[in-house]
Amino acid sequence: MTSIDWEKNLKTIDLNKIKRFYVRTTNEGPLDCDVWYGIETKDQSLEIPQGAEGENQLLNFTKSLKNFELKGMNSIENKLHECWKNEANNG
């Protein structure tokens, strides 16, 4: 998965090595992005704003994660919503 952050830096993360997927919500909407997809590996992390290019591909990938549950999409709180975690994946 590749994304470009607000400073125009290209960031890449290997989805096959993820250990954690969460949704971070804020009270910034609707004038600013208030939903972020968080992906973490052992050594990297990446947050992707809702509506970013590649969002559909990312969400399609989550269907392959056993016991994945998309949470927090209607939240207006500043909160992390744990969607999936794999303690056994050390990659």
N, C-alpha and C. Protein backbone atom coordinates (compact mmCIF):
# COMPACT_ATOMS: atom_id res chain seq x y z
N MET A 1 0.85 -1.17 0.00
CA MET A 1 0.00 0.00 0.00
C MET A 1 0.90 1.23 0.00
N THR A 2 0.59 2.18 -0.87
CA THR A 2 1.37 3.40 -0.96
C THR A 2 0.44 4.59 -0.76
N SER A 3 0.93 5.59 -0.03
CA SER A 3 0.16 6.79 0.22
C SER A 3 1.10 7.99 0.21
N ILE A 4 0.55 9.15 0.01
CA ILE A 4 1.32 10.40 0.05
C ILE A 4 0.78 11.22 1.21
N ASP A 5 1.67 11.60 2.15
CA ASP A 5 1.21 12.35 3.31
C ASP A 5 1.06 13.84 2.98
N TRP A 6 0.67 14.61 3.98
CA TRP A 6 0.37 16.03 3.77
C TRP A 6 1.59 16.83 3.32
N GLU A 7 2.80 16.34 3.65
CA GLU A 7 4.02 17.02 3.23
C GLU A 7 4.53 16.49 1.88
N LYS A 8 3.70 15.70 1.19
CA LYS A 8 4.00 15.14 -0.14
C LYS A 8 5.07 14.05 -0.09
N ASN A 9 5.26 13.42 1.08
CA ASN A 9 6.19 12.31 1.21
C ASN A 9 5.48 11.02 0.83
N LEU A 10 6.11 10.21 0.01
CA LEU A 10 5.57 8.92 -0.40
C LEU A 10 5.86 7.91 0.70
N LYS A 11 4.82 7.20 1.15
CA LYS A 11 4.97 6.19 2.19
C LYS A 11 4.41 4.88 1.67
N THR A 12 5.14 3.80 1.93
CA THR A 12 4.73 2.48 1.48
C THR A 12 4.75 1.53 2.66
N ILE A 13 3.75 0.65 2.72
CA ILE A 13 3.67 -0.36 3.78
C ILE A 13 3.21 -1.67 3.15
N ASP A 14 3.82 -2.76 3.59
CA ASP A 14 3.48 -4.09 3.07
C ASP A 14 2.27 -4.61 3.82
N LEU A 15 1.13 -4.69 3.14
CA LEU A 15 -0.11 -5.13 3.78
C LEU A 15 -0.03 -6.57 4.26
N ASN A 16 0.84 -7.37 3.67
CA ASN A 16 0.98 -8.76 4.09
C ASN A 16 1.69 -8.90 5.43
N LYS A 17 2.24 -7.80 5.93
CA LYS A 17 2.95 -7.83 7.20
C LYS A 17 2.23 -7.06 8.31
N ILE A 18 0.99 -6.69 8.09
CA ILE A 18 0.34 -5.86 9.11
C ILE A 18 0.05 -6.65 10.37
N LYS A 19 0.16 -5.94 11.49
CA LYS A 19 -0.15 -6.50 12.80
C LYS A 19 -1.42 -5.87 13.36
N ARG A 20 -1.77 -4.69 12.88
CA ARG A 20 -2.90 -3.98 13.46
C ARG A 20 -3.54 -3.08 12.42
N PHE A 21 -4.87 -3.02 12.49
CA PHE A 21 -5.64 -2.10 11.64
C PHE A 21 -6.66 -1.42 12.54
N TYR A 22 -6.71 -0.12 12.49
CA TYR A 22 -7.67 0.63 13.31
C TYR A 22 -8.26 1.76 12.50
N VAL A 23 -9.33 2.32 13.01
CA VAL A 23 -9.92 3.53 12.46
C VAL A 23 -9.77 4.60 13.53
N ARG A 24 -9.18 5.72 13.15
CA ARG A 24 -9.08 6.87 14.08
C ARG A 24 -10.10 7.90 13.64
N THR A 25 -10.96 8.29 14.56
CA THR A 25 -11.96 9.31 14.25
C THR A 25 -11.67 10.57 15.05
N THR A 26 -12.11 11.70 14.51
CA THR A 26 -11.94 12.98 15.19
C THR A 26 -13.27 13.73 15.17
N ASN A 27 -13.29 14.84 15.86
CA ASN A 27 -14.46 15.71 15.84
C ASN A 27 -14.27 16.87 14.87
N GLU A 28 -13.40 16.70 13.88
CA GLU A 28 -13.05 17.75 12.92
C GLU A 28 -14.04 17.89 11.77
N GLY A 29 -14.87 16.87 11.52
CA GLY A 29 -15.79 16.90 10.38
C GLY A 29 -16.94 17.85 10.59
N PRO A 30 -17.63 18.24 9.58
CA PRO A 30 -17.46 17.78 8.21
C PRO A 30 -16.53 18.66 7.37
N LEU A 31 -15.95 19.68 7.95
CA LEU A 31 -15.10 20.58 7.17
C LEU A 31 -13.69 20.05 6.96
N ASP A 32 -13.28 19.08 7.77
CA ASP A 32 -11.95 18.49 7.64
C ASP A 32 -12.11 16.98 7.73
N CYS A 33 -11.11 16.24 7.31
CA CYS A 33 -11.18 14.78 7.37
C CYS A 33 -11.31 14.34 8.83
N ASP A 34 -12.28 13.50 9.10
CA ASP A 34 -12.51 13.03 10.47
C ASP A 34 -12.47 11.52 10.61
N VAL A 35 -12.06 10.82 9.55
CA VAL A 35 -11.88 9.36 9.60
C VAL A 35 -10.56 9.01 8.93
N TRP A 36 -9.73 8.26 9.66
CA TRP A 36 -8.42 7.84 9.16
C TRP A 36 -8.28 6.34 9.36
N TYR A 37 -7.75 5.65 8.36
CA TYR A 37 -7.46 4.23 8.46
C TYR A 37 -6.01 4.08 8.92
N GLY A 38 -5.80 3.38 10.02
CA GLY A 38 -4.45 3.18 10.54
C GLY A 38 -3.98 1.76 10.31
N ILE A 39 -2.77 1.62 9.78
CA ILE A 39 -2.18 0.32 9.48
C ILE A 39 -0.81 0.29 10.15
N GLU A 40 -0.52 -0.80 10.87
CA GLU A 40 0.78 -0.92 11.52
C GLU A 40 1.40 -2.28 11.24
N THR A 41 2.71 -2.27 11.03
CA THR A 41 3.51 -3.50 11.00
C THR A 41 4.41 -3.43 12.24
N LYS A 42 5.32 -4.37 12.35
CA LYS A 42 6.26 -4.35 13.47
C LYS A 42 7.09 -3.07 13.47
N ASP A 43 7.45 -2.58 12.27
CA ASP A 43 8.38 -1.45 12.17
C ASP A 43 7.81 -0.18 11.55
N GLN A 44 6.57 -0.24 11.03
CA GLN A 44 6.01 0.91 10.31
C GLN A 44 4.58 1.18 10.73
N SER A 45 4.16 2.40 10.49
CA SER A 45 2.75 2.74 10.64
C SER A 45 2.38 3.76 9.57
N LEU A 46 1.12 3.73 9.20
CA LEU A 46 0.62 4.60 8.14
C LEU A 46 -0.84 4.91 8.43
N GLU A 47 -1.22 6.17 8.34
CA GLU A 47 -2.62 6.57 8.45
C GLU A 47 -3.05 7.16 7.12
N ILE A 48 -4.20 6.69 6.64
CA ILE A 48 -4.72 7.10 5.34
C ILE A 48 -6.08 7.73 5.55
N PRO A 49 -6.29 8.95 5.05
CA PRO A 49 -7.59 9.60 5.25
C PRO A 49 -8.69 8.96 4.43
N GLN A 50 -9.88 8.94 5.00
CA GLN A 50 -11.03 8.45 4.25
C GLN A 50 -11.18 9.28 2.98
N GLY A 51 -11.48 8.60 1.88
CA GLY A 51 -11.65 9.27 0.60
C GLY A 51 -10.38 9.34 -0.22
N ALA A 52 -9.25 8.90 0.35
CA ALA A 52 -7.99 8.92 -0.40
C ALA A 52 -8.03 7.93 -1.54
N GLU A 53 -7.24 8.21 -2.57
CA GLU A 53 -7.12 7.27 -3.68
C GLU A 53 -6.62 5.94 -3.15
N GLY A 54 -7.24 4.86 -3.55
CA GLY A 54 -6.87 3.52 -3.09
C GLY A 54 -7.68 3.03 -1.91
N GLU A 55 -8.60 3.86 -1.42
CA GLU A 55 -9.42 3.47 -0.27
C GLU A 55 -10.19 2.17 -0.54
N ASN A 56 -10.79 2.05 -1.70
CA ASN A 56 -11.55 0.84 -2.01
C ASN A 56 -10.67 -0.40 -2.02
N GLN A 57 -9.46 -0.29 -2.56
CA GLN A 57 -8.54 -1.42 -2.58
C GLN A 57 -8.15 -1.81 -1.16
N LEU A 58 -7.92 -0.81 -0.31
CA LEU A 58 -7.58 -1.09 1.08
C LEU A 58 -8.72 -1.81 1.77
N LEU A 59 -9.93 -1.32 1.61
CA LEU A 59 -11.07 -1.95 2.26
C LEU A 59 -11.34 -3.34 1.69
N ASN A 60 -11.09 -3.53 0.41
CA ASN A 60 -11.21 -4.88 -0.16
C ASN A 60 -10.19 -5.83 0.46
N PHE A 61 -8.98 -5.33 0.71
CA PHE A 61 -7.96 -6.15 1.35
C PHE A 61 -8.40 -6.59 2.74
N THR A 62 -9.07 -5.72 3.48
CA THR A 62 -9.46 -6.07 4.85
C THR A 62 -10.41 -7.26 4.88
N LYS A 63 -11.09 -7.54 3.79
CA LYS A 63 -11.98 -8.70 3.74
C LYS A 63 -11.20 -10.01 3.87
N SER A 64 -9.91 -9.98 3.61
CA SER A 64 -9.09 -11.17 3.73
C SER A 64 -8.57 -11.39 5.16
N LEU A 65 -8.79 -10.42 6.04
CA LEU A 65 -8.31 -10.52 7.42
C LEU A 65 -9.36 -11.22 8.28
N LYS A 66 -8.98 -12.34 8.85
CA LYS A 66 -9.90 -13.11 9.68
C LYS A 66 -10.35 -12.29 10.89
N ASN A 67 -11.65 -12.24 11.10
CA ASN A 67 -12.28 -11.54 12.22
C ASN A 67 -12.17 -10.01 12.13
N PHE A 68 -11.89 -9.49 10.95
CA PHE A 68 -11.84 -8.03 10.78
C PHE A 68 -13.25 -7.45 10.96
N GLU A 69 -13.33 -6.34 11.68
CA GLU A 69 -14.61 -5.65 11.85
C GLU A 69 -14.37 -4.14 11.71
N LEU A 70 -14.95 -3.55 10.69
CA LEU A 70 -14.81 -2.10 10.48
C LEU A 70 -15.64 -1.38 11.53
N LYS A 71 -14.98 -0.58 12.36
CA LYS A 71 -15.65 0.11 13.46
C LYS A 71 -15.41 1.61 13.38
N GLY A 72 -16.30 2.35 14.00
CA GLY A 72 -16.10 3.78 14.21
C GLY A 72 -16.50 4.69 13.07
N MET A 73 -17.05 4.16 12.01
CA MET A 73 -17.31 4.97 10.82
C MET A 73 -18.36 6.08 11.06
N ASN A 74 -19.19 5.94 12.07
CA ASN A 74 -20.19 6.97 12.35
C ASN A 74 -19.85 7.78 13.59
N SER A 75 -18.66 7.58 14.12
CA SER A 75 -18.25 8.26 15.35
C SER A 75 -17.90 9.73 15.09
N ILE A 76 -18.23 10.57 16.04
CA ILE A 76 -17.82 11.98 15.98
C ILE A 76 -16.89 12.31 17.15
N GLU A 77 -16.34 11.26 17.77
CA GLU A 77 -15.42 11.42 18.89
C GLU A 77 -13.97 11.34 18.42
N ASN A 78 -13.06 11.88 19.23
CA ASN A 78 -11.63 11.68 19.03
C ASN A 78 -11.30 10.34 19.67
N LYS A 79 -11.18 9.29 18.82
CA LYS A 79 -11.06 7.94 19.38
C LYS A 79 -10.41 7.00 18.38
N LEU A 80 -9.68 5.99 18.90
CA LEU A 80 -9.17 4.89 18.08
C LEU A 80 -10.14 3.71 18.22
N HIS A 81 -10.51 3.15 17.08
CA HIS A 81 -11.42 2.01 17.04
C HIS A 81 -10.63 0.82 16.50
N GLU A 82 -10.35 -0.13 17.37
CA GLU A 82 -9.59 -1.32 16.99
C GLU A 82 -10.45 -2.19 16.07
N CYS A 83 -9.96 -2.45 14.85
CA CYS A 83 -10.71 -3.25 13.88
C CYS A 83 -10.12 -4.65 13.71
N TRP A 84 -8.80 -4.76 13.87
CA TRP A 84 -8.15 -6.05 13.69
C TRP A 84 -6.76 -6.00 14.29
N LYS A 85 -6.38 -7.09 14.93
CA LYS A 85 -5.05 -7.17 15.51
C LYS A 85 -4.57 -8.62 15.41
N ASN A 86 -3.30 -8.79 15.06
CA ASN A 86 -2.72 -10.11 14.91
C ASN A 86 -1.44 -10.15 15.71
N GLU A 87 -1.52 -10.63 16.91
CA GLU A 87 -0.34 -10.72 17.78
C GLU A 87 0.70 -11.71 17.25
N ALA A 88 0.25 -12.73 16.52
CA ALA A 88 1.16 -13.77 16.04
C ALA A 88 2.01 -13.31 14.87
N ASN A 89 1.59 -12.26 14.13
CA ASN A 89 2.32 -11.80 12.96
C ASN A 89 3.44 -10.87 13.39
N ASN A 90 4.64 -11.36 13.43
CA ASN A 90 5.78 -10.53 13.85
C ASN A 90 6.48 -9.86 12.68
N GLY A 91 5.96 -10.06 11.44
CA GLY A 91 6.62 -9.52 10.26
C GLY A 91 6.40 -8.10 10.12
